[in-house]
PDB file of all heavy atoms in Angstrom:
ATOM      1  N   HIS A   1      59.118 218.144 169.898  1.00  0.00           N
ATOM      2  CA  HIS A   1      58.979 216.810 169.318  1.00  0.00           C
ATOM      3  C   HIS A   1      60.331 216.229 168.876  1.00  0.00           C
ATOM      4  O   HIS A   1      60.349 215.223 168.134  1.00  0.00           O
ATOM      5  CB  HIS A   1      58.052 216.828 168.097  1.00  0.00           C
ATOM      6  CG  HIS A   1      56.646 217.239 168.483  1.00  0.00           C
ATOM      7  ND1 HIS A   1      55.740 216.364 169.060  1.00  0.00           N
ATOM      8  CD2 HIS A   1      56.012 218.408 168.290  1.00  0.00           C
ATOM      9  CE1 HIS A   1      54.588 216.940 169.250  1.00  0.00           C
ATOM     10  NE2 HIS A   1      54.728 218.221 168.747  1.00  0.00           N
ATOM     11  N   SER A   2      61.432 216.827 169.230  1.00  0.00           N
ATOM     12  CA  SER A   2      62.739 216.400 168.757  1.00  0.00           C
ATOM     13  C   SER A   2      63.711 216.336 169.913  1.00  0.00           C
ATOM     14  O   SER A   2      63.408 216.887 171.011  1.00  0.00           O
ATOM     15  CB  SER A   2      63.253 217.345 167.615  1.00  0.00           C
ATOM     16  OG  SER A   2      63.342 218.669 168.104  1.00  0.00           O
ATOM     17  N   GLY A   3      64.853 215.792 169.677  1.00  0.00           N
ATOM     18  CA  GLY A   3      65.859 215.665 170.672  1.00  0.00           C
ATOM     19  C   GLY A   3      67.190 216.342 170.312  1.00  0.00           C
ATOM     20  O   GLY A   3      67.295 216.859 169.201  1.00  0.00           O
ATOM     21  N   LEU A   4      68.106 216.279 171.236  1.00  0.00           N
ATOM     22  CA  LEU A   4      69.401 216.952 170.981  1.00  0.00           C
ATOM     23  C   LEU A   4      70.068 216.209 169.807  1.00  0.00           C
ATOM     24  O   LEU A   4      70.043 215.037 169.636  1.00  0.00           O
ATOM     25  CB  LEU A   4      70.268 216.690 172.254  1.00  0.00           C
ATOM     26  CG  LEU A   4      71.600 217.372 172.243  1.00  0.00           C
ATOM     27  CD1 LEU A   4      71.471 218.908 172.220  1.00  0.00           C
ATOM     28  CD2 LEU A   4      72.371 216.927 173.529  1.00  0.00           C
ATOM     29  N   GLY A   5      70.727 217.052 168.921  1.00  0.00           N
ATOM     30  CA  GLY A   5      71.414 216.533 167.766  1.00  0.00           C
ATOM     31  C   GLY A   5      70.450 216.316 166.572  1.00  0.00           C
ATOM     32  O   GLY A   5      70.907 215.829 165.537  1.00  0.00           O
ATOM     33  N   GLN A   6      69.256 216.669 166.685  1.00  0.00           N
ATOM     34  CA  GLN A   6      68.215 216.485 165.586  1.00  0.00           C
ATOM     35  C   GLN A   6      67.806 217.880 165.213  1.00  0.00           C
ATOM     36  O   GLN A   6      67.862 218.830 165.922  1.00  0.00           O
ATOM     37  CB  GLN A   6      66.992 215.661 166.000  1.00  0.00           C
ATOM     38  CG  GLN A   6      67.266 214.333 166.408  1.00  0.00           C
ATOM     39  CD  GLN A   6      65.964 213.615 166.858  1.00  0.00           C
ATOM     40  OE1 GLN A   6      65.163 214.200 167.502  1.00  0.00           O
ATOM     41  NE2 GLN A   6      65.863 212.329 166.461  1.00  0.00           N
ATOM     42  N   PRO A   7      67.227 217.980 163.978  1.00  0.00           N
ATOM     43  CA  PRO A   7      66.576 219.259 163.619  1.00  0.00           C
ATOM     44  C   PRO A   7      65.431 219.535 164.586  1.00  0.00           C
ATOM     45  O   PRO A   7      64.684 218.616 164.964  1.00  0.00           O
ATOM     46  CB  PRO A   7      66.079 219.009 162.183  1.00  0.00           C
ATOM     47  CG  PRO A   7      66.943 217.923 161.624  1.00  0.00           C
ATOM     48  CD  PRO A   7      67.234 217.060 162.816  1.00  0.00           C
ATOM     49  N   LEU A   8      65.347 220.755 165.004  1.00  0.00           N
ATOM     50  CA  LEU A   8      64.322 221.113 165.990  1.00  0.00           C
ATOM     51  C   LEU A   8      62.938 221.030 165.353  1.00  0.00           C
ATOM     52  O   LEU A   8      62.706 221.472 164.202  1.00  0.00           O
ATOM     53  CB  LEU A   8      64.495 222.551 166.505  1.00  0.00           C
ATOM     54  CG  LEU A   8      63.480 223.045 167.515  1.00  0.00           C
ATOM     55  CD1 LEU A   8      63.613 222.234 168.817  1.00  0.00           C
ATOM     56  CD2 LEU A   8      63.651 224.507 167.753  1.00  0.00           C
ATOM     57  N   ARG A   9      61.984 220.386 166.059  1.00  0.00           N
ATOM     58  CA  ARG A   9      60.598 220.313 165.683  1.00  0.00           C
ATOM     59  C   ARG A   9      59.820 220.551 166.987  1.00  0.00           C
ATOM     60  O   ARG A   9      59.844 219.797 167.943  1.00  0.00           O
ATOM     61  CB  ARG A   9      60.257 218.918 165.137  1.00  0.00           C
ATOM     62  CG  ARG A   9      60.845 218.663 163.797  1.00  0.00           C
ATOM     63  CD  ARG A   9      60.422 217.247 163.215  1.00  0.00           C
ATOM     64  NE  ARG A   9      60.606 216.198 164.226  1.00  0.00           N
ATOM     65  CZ  ARG A   9      59.621 215.495 164.814  1.00  0.00           C
ATOM     66  NH1 ARG A   9      58.360 215.729 164.589  1.00  0.00           N
ATOM     67  NH2 ARG A   9      59.941 214.546 165.716  1.00  0.00           N
ATOM     68  N   ALA A  10      59.096 221.705 167.008  1.00  0.00           N
ATOM     69  CA  ALA A  10      58.296 222.115 168.134  1.00  0.00           C
ATOM     70  C   ALA A  10      57.080 222.871 167.655  1.00  0.00           C
ATOM     71  O   ALA A  10      57.078 223.347 166.562  1.00  0.00           O
ATOM     72  CB  ALA A  10      59.160 222.966 169.136  1.00  0.00           C
ATOM     73  N   GLU A  11      56.098 222.857 168.504  1.00  0.00           N
ATOM     74  CA  GLU A  11      54.930 223.673 168.187  1.00  0.00           C
ATOM     75  C   GLU A  11      54.406 224.446 169.452  1.00  0.00           C
ATOM     76  O   GLU A  11      54.572 223.949 170.542  1.00  0.00           O
ATOM     77  CB  GLU A  11      53.801 222.809 167.619  1.00  0.00           C
ATOM     78  CG  GLU A  11      53.268 221.694 168.493  1.00  0.00           C
ATOM     79  CD  GLU A  11      52.264 220.812 167.756  1.00  0.00           C
ATOM     80  OE1 GLU A  11      52.526 220.315 166.666  1.00  0.00           O
ATOM     81  OE2 GLU A  11      51.177 220.665 168.337  1.00  0.00           O
ATOM     82  N   ILE A  12      53.851 225.538 169.123  1.00  0.00           N
ATOM     83  CA  ILE A  12      53.352 226.461 170.204  1.00  0.00           C
ATOM     84  C   ILE A  12      51.911 226.732 169.931  1.00  0.00           C
ATOM     85  O   ILE A  12      51.533 227.118 168.840  1.00  0.00           O
ATOM     86  CB  ILE A  12      54.147 227.746 170.226  1.00  0.00           C
ATOM     87  CG1 ILE A  12      55.619 227.544 170.386  1.00  0.00           C
ATOM     88  CG2 ILE A  12      53.623 228.682 171.337  1.00  0.00           C
ATOM     89  CD1 ILE A  12      56.503 228.752 170.137  1.00  0.00           C
ATOM     90  N   GLU A  13      51.058 226.483 170.951  1.00  0.00           N
ATOM     91  CA  GLU A  13      49.614 226.758 170.787  1.00  0.00           C
ATOM     92  C   GLU A  13      49.403 228.285 170.620  1.00  0.00           C
ATOM     93  O   GLU A  13      50.014 229.123 171.292  1.00  0.00           O
ATOM     94  CB  GLU A  13      48.844 226.363 171.996  1.00  0.00           C
ATOM     95  CG  GLU A  13      48.873 224.885 172.314  1.00  0.00           C
ATOM     96  CD  GLU A  13      48.242 224.572 173.689  1.00  0.00           C
ATOM     97  OE1 GLU A  13      48.242 225.397 174.579  1.00  0.00           O
ATOM     98  OE2 GLU A  13      47.695 223.445 173.786  1.00  0.00           O
ATOM     99  N   ILE A  14      48.476 228.619 169.759  1.00  0.00           N
ATOM    100  CA  ILE A  14      48.034 230.014 169.617  1.00  0.00           C
ATOM    101  C   ILE A  14      46.632 230.058 170.328  1.00  0.00           C
ATOM    102  O   ILE A  14      45.743 229.299 169.995  1.00  0.00           O
ATOM    103  CB  ILE A  14      47.915 230.485 168.165  1.00  0.00           C
ATOM    104  CG1 ILE A  14      49.326 230.402 167.477  1.00  0.00           C
ATOM    105  CG2 ILE A  14      47.406 231.917 168.080  1.00  0.00           C
ATOM    106  CD1 ILE A  14      49.312 230.684 166.017  1.00  0.00           C
ATOM    107  N   VAL A  15      46.463 230.947 171.272  1.00  0.00           N
ATOM    108  CA  VAL A  15      45.301 231.000 172.027  1.00  0.00           C
ATOM    109  C   VAL A  15      44.646 232.358 171.820  1.00  0.00           C
ATOM    110  O   VAL A  15      45.228 233.337 171.451  1.00  0.00           O
ATOM    111  CB  VAL A  15      45.568 230.785 173.534  1.00  0.00           C
ATOM    112  CG1 VAL A  15      46.099 229.370 173.773  1.00  0.00           C
ATOM    113  CG2 VAL A  15      46.554 231.775 174.138  1.00  0.00           C
ATOM    114  N   SER A  16      43.313 232.378 172.108  1.00  0.00           N
ATOM    115  CA  SER A  16      42.522 233.584 172.141  1.00  0.00           C
ATOM    116  C   SER A  16      42.453 234.355 170.849  1.00  0.00           C
ATOM    117  O   SER A  16      42.460 235.557 170.821  1.00  0.00           O
ATOM    118  CB  SER A  16      42.958 234.540 173.280  1.00  0.00           C
ATOM    119  OG  SER A  16      42.923 233.872 174.503  1.00  0.00           O
ATOM    120  N   LEU A  17      42.475 233.657 169.709  1.00  0.00           N
ATOM    121  CA  LEU A  17      42.345 234.295 168.417  1.00  0.00           C
ATOM    122  C   LEU A  17      40.950 234.888 168.259  1.00  0.00           C
ATOM    123  O   LEU A  17      39.994 234.223 168.502  1.00  0.00           O
ATOM    124  CB  LEU A  17      42.603 233.353 167.302  1.00  0.00           C
ATOM    125  CG  LEU A  17      44.034 233.109 166.877  1.00  0.00           C
ATOM    126  CD1 LEU A  17      44.120 232.061 165.780  1.00  0.00           C
ATOM    127  CD2 LEU A  17      44.651 234.412 166.415  1.00  0.00           C
ATOM    128  N   GLU A  18      40.890 236.143 167.818  1.00  0.00           N
ATOM    129  CA  GLU A  18      39.591 236.747 167.487  1.00  0.00           C
ATOM    130  C   GLU A  18      39.378 236.550 165.994  1.00  0.00           C
ATOM    131  O   GLU A  18      40.311 236.350 165.193  1.00  0.00           O
ATOM    132  CB  GLU A  18      39.636 238.230 167.785  1.00  0.00           C
ATOM    133  CG  GLU A  18      39.677 238.563 169.259  1.00  0.00           C
ATOM    134  CD  GLU A  18      38.408 238.175 169.977  1.00  0.00           C
ATOM    135  OE1 GLU A  18      37.290 238.589 169.480  1.00  0.00           O
ATOM    136  OE2 GLU A  18      38.434 237.549 171.042  1.00  0.00           O
ATOM    137  N   ARG A  19      38.143 236.665 165.592  1.00  0.00           N
ATOM    138  CA  ARG A  19      37.737 236.531 164.176  1.00  0.00           C
ATOM    139  C   ARG A  19      38.499 237.560 163.356  1.00  0.00           C
ATOM    140  O   ARG A  19      38.603 238.723 163.691  1.00  0.00           O
ATOM    141  CB  ARG A  19      36.249 236.775 164.022  1.00  0.00           C
ATOM    142  CG  ARG A  19      35.787 236.678 162.601  1.00  0.00           C
ATOM    143  CD  ARG A  19      34.323 236.703 162.496  1.00  0.00           C
ATOM    144  NE  ARG A  19      33.915 235.452 163.198  1.00  0.00           N
ATOM    145  CZ  ARG A  19      32.705 234.934 163.155  1.00  0.00           C
ATOM    146  NH1 ARG A  19      31.794 235.561 162.579  1.00  0.00           N
ATOM    147  NH2 ARG A  19      32.460 233.860 163.750  1.00  0.00           N
ATOM    148  N   GLY A  20      39.133 237.106 162.288  1.00  0.00           N
ATOM    149  CA  GLY A  20      39.857 237.937 161.353  1.00  0.00           C
ATOM    150  C   GLY A  20      41.324 238.075 161.702  1.00  0.00           C
ATOM    151  O   GLY A  20      42.045 238.642 160.863  1.00  0.00           O
ATOM    152  N   GLU A  21      41.732 237.719 162.878  1.00  0.00           N
ATOM    153  CA  GLU A  21      43.170 237.831 163.225  1.00  0.00           C
ATOM    154  C   GLU A  21      44.063 236.878 162.497  1.00  0.00           C
ATOM    155  O   GLU A  21      45.210 237.214 162.223  1.00  0.00           O
ATOM    156  CB  GLU A  21      43.341 237.699 164.748  1.00  0.00           C
ATOM    157  CG  GLU A  21      42.891 238.901 165.536  1.00  0.00           C
ATOM    158  CD  GLU A  21      43.111 238.748 167.058  1.00  0.00           C
ATOM    159  OE1 GLU A  21      43.209 237.569 167.545  1.00  0.00           O
ATOM    160  OE2 GLU A  21      43.140 239.767 167.722  1.00  0.00           O
ATOM    161  N   VAL A  22      43.572 235.707 162.282  1.00  0.00           N
ATOM    162  CA  VAL A  22      44.475 234.672 161.677  1.00  0.00           C
ATOM    163  C   VAL A  22      44.975 235.061 160.293  1.00  0.00           C
ATOM    164  O   VAL A  22      46.063 234.676 159.894  1.00  0.00           O
ATOM    165  CB  VAL A  22      43.686 233.296 161.640  1.00  0.00           C
ATOM    166  CG1 VAL A  22      42.632 233.238 160.603  1.00  0.00           C
ATOM    167  CG2 VAL A  22      44.733 232.118 161.387  1.00  0.00           C
ATOM    168  N   GLU A  23      44.207 235.813 159.554  1.00  0.00           N
ATOM    169  CA  GLU A  23      44.630 236.217 158.175  1.00  0.00           C
ATOM    170  C   GLU A  23      45.857 237.000 158.247  1.00  0.00           C
ATOM    171  O   GLU A  23      46.716 236.957 157.271  1.00  0.00           O
ATOM    172  CB  GLU A  23      43.529 236.984 157.458  1.00  0.00           C
ATOM    173  CG  GLU A  23      42.293 236.112 157.062  1.00  0.00           C
ATOM    174  CD  GLU A  23      41.361 235.838 158.199  1.00  0.00           C
ATOM    175  OE1 GLU A  23      41.415 236.557 159.239  1.00  0.00           O
ATOM    176  OE2 GLU A  23      40.557 234.931 158.068  1.00  0.00           O
ATOM    177  N   SER A  24      46.090 237.791 159.208  1.00  0.00           N
ATOM    178  CA  SER A  24      47.296 238.678 159.290  1.00  0.00           C
ATOM    179  C   SER A  24      48.349 238.177 160.317  1.00  0.00           C
ATOM    180  O   SER A  24      49.360 238.826 160.521  1.00  0.00           O
ATOM    181  CB  SER A  24      46.890 240.088 159.704  1.00  0.00           C
ATOM    182  OG  SER A  24      46.359 240.089 160.984  1.00  0.00           O
ATOM    183  N   LEU A  25      48.154 236.936 160.785  1.00  0.00           N
ATOM    184  CA  LEU A  25      49.012 236.417 161.849  1.00  0.00           C
ATOM    185  C   LEU A  25      50.367 235.947 161.304  1.00  0.00           C
ATOM    186  O   LEU A  25      50.409 235.245 160.251  1.00  0.00           O
ATOM    187  CB  LEU A  25      48.310 235.223 162.431  1.00  0.00           C
ATOM    188  CG  LEU A  25      48.664 234.771 163.864  1.00  0.00           C
ATOM    189  CD1 LEU A  25      48.482 235.887 164.832  1.00  0.00           C
ATOM    190  CD2 LEU A  25      47.804 233.612 164.237  1.00  0.00           C
ATOM    191  N   THR A  26      51.516 236.391 161.904  1.00  0.00           N
ATOM    192  CA  THR A  26      52.822 235.922 161.529  1.00  0.00           C
ATOM    193  C   THR A  26      53.598 235.624 162.819  1.00  0.00           C
ATOM    194  O   THR A  26      53.330 236.255 163.857  1.00  0.00           O
ATOM    195  CB  THR A  26      53.594 236.937 160.718  1.00  0.00           C
ATOM    196  OG1 THR A  26      53.765 238.189 161.500  1.00  0.00           O
ATOM    197  CG2 THR A  26      52.902 237.257 159.398  1.00  0.00           C
ATOM    198  N   ALA A  27      54.516 234.747 162.722  1.00  0.00           N
ATOM    199  CA  ALA A  27      55.391 234.394 163.851  1.00  0.00           C
ATOM    200  C   ALA A  27      56.831 234.427 163.376  1.00  0.00           C
ATOM    201  O   ALA A  27      57.094 234.080 162.218  1.00  0.00           O
ATOM    202  CB  ALA A  27      55.006 233.034 164.421  1.00  0.00           C
ATOM    203  N   LYS A  28      57.750 234.850 164.270  1.00  0.00           N
ATOM    204  CA  LYS A  28      59.149 234.870 163.949  1.00  0.00           C
ATOM    205  C   LYS A  28      59.961 234.955 165.190  1.00  0.00           C
ATOM    206  O   LYS A  28      59.489 235.177 166.284  1.00  0.00           O
ATOM    207  CB  LYS A  28      59.475 236.074 162.991  1.00  0.00           C
ATOM    208  CG  LYS A  28      59.285 237.457 163.652  1.00  0.00           C
ATOM    209  CD  LYS A  28      59.594 238.565 162.658  1.00  0.00           C
ATOM    210  CE  LYS A  28      59.444 239.928 163.358  1.00  0.00           C
ATOM    211  NZ  LYS A  28      59.788 241.025 162.484  1.00  0.00           N
ATOM    212  N   LEU A  29      61.260 234.770 165.005  1.00  0.00           N
ATOM    213  CA  LEU A  29      62.232 234.975 166.081  1.00  0.00           C
ATOM    214  C   LEU A  29      62.279 236.473 166.375  1.00  0.00           C
ATOM    215  O   LEU A  29      62.285 237.321 165.456  1.00  0.00           O
ATOM    216  CB  LEU A  29      63.583 234.493 165.696  1.00  0.00           C
ATOM    217  CG  LEU A  29      64.654 234.515 166.754  1.00  0.00           C
ATOM    218  CD1 LEU A  29      64.319 233.514 167.856  1.00  0.00           C
ATOM    219  CD2 LEU A  29      66.026 234.206 166.177  1.00  0.00           C
ATOM    220  N   ALA A  30      62.140 236.861 167.612  1.00  0.00           N
ATOM    221  CA  ALA A  30      62.208 238.290 167.979  1.00  0.00           C
ATOM    222  C   ALA A  30      63.498 238.885 167.523  1.00  0.00           C
ATOM    223  O   ALA A  30      64.525 238.186 167.414  1.00  0.00           O
ATOM    224  CB  ALA A  30      61.991 238.452 169.494  1.00  0.00           C
ATOM    225  N   GLY A  31      63.512 240.185 167.416  1.00  0.00           N
ATOM    226  CA  GLY A  31      64.778 240.864 166.916  1.00  0.00           C
ATOM    227  C   GLY A  31      65.821 240.965 167.990  1.00  0.00           C
ATOM    228  O   GLY A  31      65.642 240.701 169.185  1.00  0.00           O
ATOM    229  N   GLN A  32      67.032 241.386 167.554  1.00  0.00           N
ATOM    230  CA  GLN A  32      68.168 241.513 168.407  1.00  0.00           C
ATOM    231  C   GLN A  32      67.887 242.434 169.621  1.00  0.00           C
ATOM    232  O   GLN A  32      68.322 242.142 170.748  1.00  0.00           O
ATOM    233  CB  GLN A  32      69.358 242.007 167.672  1.00  0.00           C
ATOM    234  CG  GLN A  32      69.936 241.002 166.694  1.00  0.00           C
ATOM    235  CD  GLN A  32      71.085 241.561 165.943  1.00  0.00           C
ATOM    236  OE1 GLN A  32      71.443 242.789 165.879  1.00  0.00           O
ATOM    237  NE2 GLN A  32      71.861 240.660 165.290  1.00  0.00           N
ATOM    238  N   GLU A  33      67.137 243.520 169.388  1.00  0.00           N
ATOM    239  CA  GLU A  33      66.864 244.478 170.438  1.00  0.00           C
ATOM    240  C   GLU A  33      66.052 243.823 171.551  1.00  0.00           C
ATOM    241  O   GLU A  33      66.218 244.065 172.703  1.00  0.00           O
ATOM    242  CB  GLU A  33      66.185 245.748 169.883  1.00  0.00           C
ATOM    243  CG  GLU A  33      65.881 246.743 170.920  1.00  0.00           C
ATOM    244  CD  GLU A  33      67.135 247.376 171.633  1.00  0.00           C
ATOM    245  OE1 GLU A  33      68.204 247.230 171.093  1.00  0.00           O
ATOM    246  OE2 GLU A  33      66.879 247.899 172.710  1.00  0.00           O
ATOM    247  N   ALA A  34      65.068 243.043 171.182  1.00  0.00           N
ATOM    248  CA  ALA A  34      64.240 242.278 172.198  1.00  0.00           C
ATOM    249  C   ALA A  34      65.109 241.377 172.977  1.00  0.00           C
ATOM    250  O   ALA A  34      64.926 241.248 174.235  1.00  0.00           O
ATOM    251  CB  ALA A  34      63.086 241.544 171.506  1.00  0.00           C
ATOM    252  N   PHE A  35      66.035 240.651 172.344  1.00  0.00           N
ATOM    253  CA  PHE A  35      66.959 239.749 173.089  1.00  0.00           C
ATOM    254  C   PHE A  35      67.786 240.529 174.040  1.00  0.00           C
ATOM    255  O   PHE A  35      68.054 240.145 175.170  1.00  0.00           O
ATOM    256  CB  PHE A  35      67.798 238.904 172.084  1.00  0.00           C
ATOM    257  CG  PHE A  35      67.076 237.683 171.627  1.00  0.00           C
ATOM    258  CD1 PHE A  35      66.246 237.725 170.578  1.00  0.00           C
ATOM    259  CD2 PHE A  35      67.341 236.469 172.244  1.00  0.00           C
ATOM    260  CE1 PHE A  35      65.610 236.579 170.098  1.00  0.00           C
ATOM    261  CE2 PHE A  35      66.747 235.294 171.800  1.00  0.00           C
ATOM    262  CZ  PHE A  35      65.833 235.345 170.723  1.00  0.00           C
TER     263      PHE A  35
END
């Protein structure tokens, strides 16, 4: 939702959530090792 030179604004759909998963759900940038 943003362009170059602006603060980044983006959203990613979360799909296939099972009941009870949302309570423990977290998102983050993957670690250095994954990169």
